[in-house]
């Protein structure tokens, strides 16, 4: 397991506990490594090997093809997209964050 994967899982587990909407909060609270402008450790993993190429994301966010060249995590059927669109503190937001923390990481 890479450091990026460990950090990804930890951050999302924290968000699953709190139902928080801001990924920066656990990153700052636990003095985690910088995760770029997206606060995404999967994006950091991509950038270490294939900068700015979401085709190499270690997480398979969607079964559907990319929409208009957008990143797979922003596809309307991805758990991340669903997490972003749920109200803060909502039980379903916690469930999505937990599911994201457990997603298979390629590599």
Protein backbone atom coordinates (compact mmCIF):
# COMPACT_ATOMS: atom_id res chain seq x y z
CA UNK A 1 0.00 0.00 0.00
CA UNK A 2 1.46 3.37 -1.01
CA UNK A 3 1.53 6.40 1.29
CA UNK A 4 -1.00 8.08 -0.99
CA UNK A 5 -3.38 5.16 -0.59
CA UNK A 6 -2.94 5.17 3.21
CA UNK A 7 -3.60 8.92 3.32
CA UNK A 8 -6.62 8.55 1.00
CA UNK A 9 -8.15 5.88 3.20
CA UNK A 10 -7.46 7.77 6.44
CA UNK A 11 -8.87 11.06 5.14
CA UNK A 12 -12.07 9.42 3.89
CA UNK A 13 -12.47 7.41 7.10
CA UNK A 14 -12.33 10.67 9.04
CA UNK A 15 -14.93 12.22 6.73
CA UNK A 16 -17.10 9.12 7.23
CA UNK A 17 -17.01 9.70 10.99
CA UNK A 18 -17.87 13.39 10.85
CA UNK A 19 -20.00 13.73 7.74
CA UNK A 20 -17.82 16.72 6.92
CA UNK A 21 -17.79 18.25 3.48
CA UNK A 22 -14.30 19.78 3.45
CA UNK A 23 -11.43 17.39 2.73
CA UNK A 24 -8.97 20.01 4.03
CA UNK A 25 -10.24 19.62 7.59
CA UNK A 26 -8.82 16.13 8.28
CA UNK A 27 -5.71 16.97 6.24
CA UNK A 28 -5.01 20.01 8.44
CA UNK A 29 -6.25 18.48 11.70
CA UNK A 30 -3.89 15.51 11.43
CA UNK A 31 -1.06 17.42 9.69
CA UNK A 32 -1.28 15.11 6.70
CA UNK A 33 0.89 15.65 3.61
CA UNK A 34 -0.27 18.25 1.12
CA UNK A 35 -2.77 16.74 -1.34
CA UNK A 36 -2.70 19.34 -4.08
CA UNK A 37 -5.44 21.76 -5.06
CA UNK A 38 -7.98 18.92 -5.26
CA UNK A 39 -7.13 17.56 -1.78
CA UNK A 40 -7.04 14.15 -3.43
CA UNK A 41 -4.36 11.57 -2.76
CA UNK A 42 -5.44 9.56 -5.82
CA UNK A 43 -4.67 12.66 -7.93
CA UNK A 44 -1.27 12.91 -6.22
CA UNK A 45 -0.63 9.25 -7.10
CA UNK A 46 -1.49 9.99 -10.75
CA UNK A 47 0.72 13.07 -10.87
CA UNK A 48 3.72 11.12 -9.55
CA UNK A 49 3.62 8.87 -12.62
CA UNK A 50 1.44 10.46 -15.34
CA UNK A 51 0.84 14.13 -14.53
CA UNK A 52 -2.67 15.42 -15.17
CA UNK A 53 -3.85 12.19 -16.82
CA UNK A 54 -6.93 10.93 -15.02
CA UNK A 55 -6.89 7.77 -17.13
CA UNK A 56 -4.24 6.56 -14.68
CA UNK A 57 -6.28 7.19 -11.53
CA UNK A 58 -5.79 4.28 -9.10
CA UNK A 59 -9.52 4.28 -8.35
CA UNK A 60 -12.17 3.14 -10.80
CA UNK A 61 -14.81 5.75 -10.06
CA UNK A 62 -17.24 4.85 -12.82
CA UNK A 63 -18.09 2.07 -15.20
CA UNK A 64 -19.20 4.62 -17.77
CA UNK A 65 -16.94 6.43 -20.24
CA UNK A 66 -15.58 9.85 -19.29
CA UNK A 67 -17.98 12.72 -19.88
CA UNK A 68 -16.61 15.54 -22.05
CA UNK A 69 -13.04 14.74 -21.01
CA UNK A 70 -13.75 15.29 -17.32
CA UNK A 71 -12.07 13.24 -14.62
CA UNK A 72 -13.82 9.93 -13.83
CA UNK A 73 -14.41 10.98 -10.20
CA UNK A 74 -16.65 13.80 -11.50
CA UNK A 75 -18.88 11.43 -13.47
CA UNK A 76 -22.45 11.67 -12.22
CA UNK A 77 -22.52 7.99 -11.23
CA UNK A 78 -19.30 8.10 -9.16
CA UNK A 79 -19.39 7.90 -5.37
CA UNK A 80 -17.31 11.07 -5.17
CA UNK A 81 -19.84 13.03 -7.23
CA UNK A 82 -22.62 11.70 -5.03
CA UNK A 83 -20.66 12.58 -1.86
CA UNK A 84 -20.17 16.16 -3.10
CA UNK A 85 -23.88 16.64 -3.80
CA UNK A 86 -25.21 15.38 -0.42
CA UNK A 87 -25.89 17.87 2.39
CA UNK A 88 -23.27 18.22 5.16
CA UNK A 89 -23.77 15.96 8.16
CA UNK A 90 -26.21 13.81 6.24
CA UNK A 91 -26.10 10.11 7.11
CA UNK A 92 -25.83 9.26 3.42
CA UNK A 93 -22.77 11.55 3.09
CA UNK A 94 -21.08 9.48 5.83
CA UNK A 95 -21.98 6.27 4.00
CA UNK A 96 -20.52 7.55 0.72
CA UNK A 97 -17.32 8.66 2.49
CA UNK A 98 -16.98 5.23 4.11
CA UNK A 99 -17.51 3.51 0.75
CA UNK A 100 -14.91 5.79 -0.87
CA UNK A 101 -12.41 4.93 1.88
CA UNK A 102 -12.87 1.24 1.05
CA UNK A 103 -12.71 1.48 -2.76
CA UNK A 104 -10.20 -0.78 -4.47
CA UNK A 105 -6.94 0.97 -5.30
CA UNK A 106 -5.26 -0.25 -8.51
CA UNK A 107 -1.58 -0.85 -8.50
